[in-house]
């Protein structure tokens, strides 16, 4: 994997959501708010905060739907 992404933290709207997620690991299904913009930042696992993400995106999820996010590469 990209060296900065071997172990990552995931932030949603500025709050740490997942901590130390390793390459090839998966999480259980989690609930997040729907109908509001969610800014998702992926940062190196040793980062102090989400000020320098290796990836960022903003999504708005619909009610009564299931989503799966996969990071590849």
Protein backbone atom coordinates (compact mmCIF):
# COMPACT_ATOMS: atom_id res chain seq x y z
CA UNK A 1 0.00 0.00 0.00
CA UNK A 2 0.87 3.67 -0.19
CA UNK A 3 3.20 4.05 2.82
CA UNK A 4 1.15 6.84 4.45
CA UNK A 5 -1.95 4.64 4.18
CA UNK A 6 -0.61 1.37 5.64
CA UNK A 7 -2.41 2.23 8.89
CA UNK A 8 -4.99 5.02 8.81
CA UNK A 9 -7.44 6.91 10.94
CA UNK A 10 -10.81 7.92 9.53
CA UNK A 11 -12.41 11.23 10.46
CA UNK A 12 -16.02 12.16 9.75
CA UNK A 13 -16.87 15.87 9.92
CA UNK A 14 -13.69 16.52 11.89
CA UNK A 15 -14.21 13.83 14.55
CA UNK A 16 -12.12 10.66 14.69
CA UNK A 17 -14.42 7.84 13.59
CA UNK A 18 -12.03 4.88 13.17
CA UNK A 19 -8.60 4.54 14.78
CA UNK A 20 -5.59 2.62 13.40
CA UNK A 21 -7.30 0.76 10.56
CA UNK A 22 -4.63 -1.36 8.87
CA UNK A 23 -4.32 -2.16 5.17
CA UNK A 24 -6.53 -5.15 4.30
CA UNK A 25 -8.54 -4.81 7.53
CA UNK A 26 -12.28 -4.32 7.52
CA UNK A 27 -14.75 -2.92 10.01
CA UNK A 28 -18.17 -4.08 11.00
CA UNK A 29 -21.08 -2.11 9.61
CA UNK A 30 -21.37 1.26 11.34
CA UNK A 31 -24.13 3.84 11.42
CA UNK A 32 -23.62 7.39 10.27
CA UNK A 33 -26.11 10.23 9.85
CA UNK A 34 -28.05 10.45 6.60
CA UNK A 35 -29.29 13.47 4.71
CA UNK A 36 -26.38 15.70 5.79
CA UNK A 37 -23.03 16.28 4.13
CA UNK A 38 -20.32 14.06 5.64
CA UNK A 39 -16.72 15.07 5.06
CA UNK A 40 -14.56 11.96 5.28
CA UNK A 41 -10.82 12.38 5.81
CA UNK A 42 -8.35 9.50 5.68
CA UNK A 43 -5.12 10.32 7.53
CA UNK A 44 -1.96 8.43 8.42
CA UNK A 45 -2.45 6.44 11.61
CA UNK A 46 0.30 8.36 13.38
CA UNK A 47 -1.15 11.79 12.50
CA UNK A 48 -2.06 14.06 15.40
CA UNK A 49 -5.22 15.27 13.66
CA UNK A 50 -6.92 15.43 10.26
CA UNK A 51 -5.15 18.57 9.01
CA UNK A 52 -3.18 16.69 6.30
CA UNK A 53 -5.40 13.91 4.90
CA UNK A 54 -4.10 11.49 2.28
CA UNK A 55 -7.67 11.40 0.92
CA UNK A 56 -10.78 13.47 1.52
CA UNK A 57 -14.30 13.49 0.11
CA UNK A 58 -17.75 14.78 1.01
CA UNK A 59 -20.84 12.62 0.59
CA UNK A 60 -24.51 12.83 1.53
CA UNK A 61 -26.08 9.44 2.25
CA UNK A 62 -29.74 8.68 1.62
CA UNK A 63 -32.13 7.30 4.22
CA UNK A 64 -32.90 3.55 4.22
CA UNK A 65 -29.90 2.63 2.07
CA UNK A 66 -26.74 0.65 2.81
CA UNK A 67 -23.36 1.86 1.64
CA UNK A 68 -19.95 0.20 1.50
CA UNK A 69 -16.70 2.17 1.27
CA UNK A 70 -13.58 0.45 -0.04
CA UNK A 71 -10.09 1.90 -0.33
CA UNK A 72 -8.02 0.29 -3.07
CA UNK A 73 -4.38 0.91 -3.89
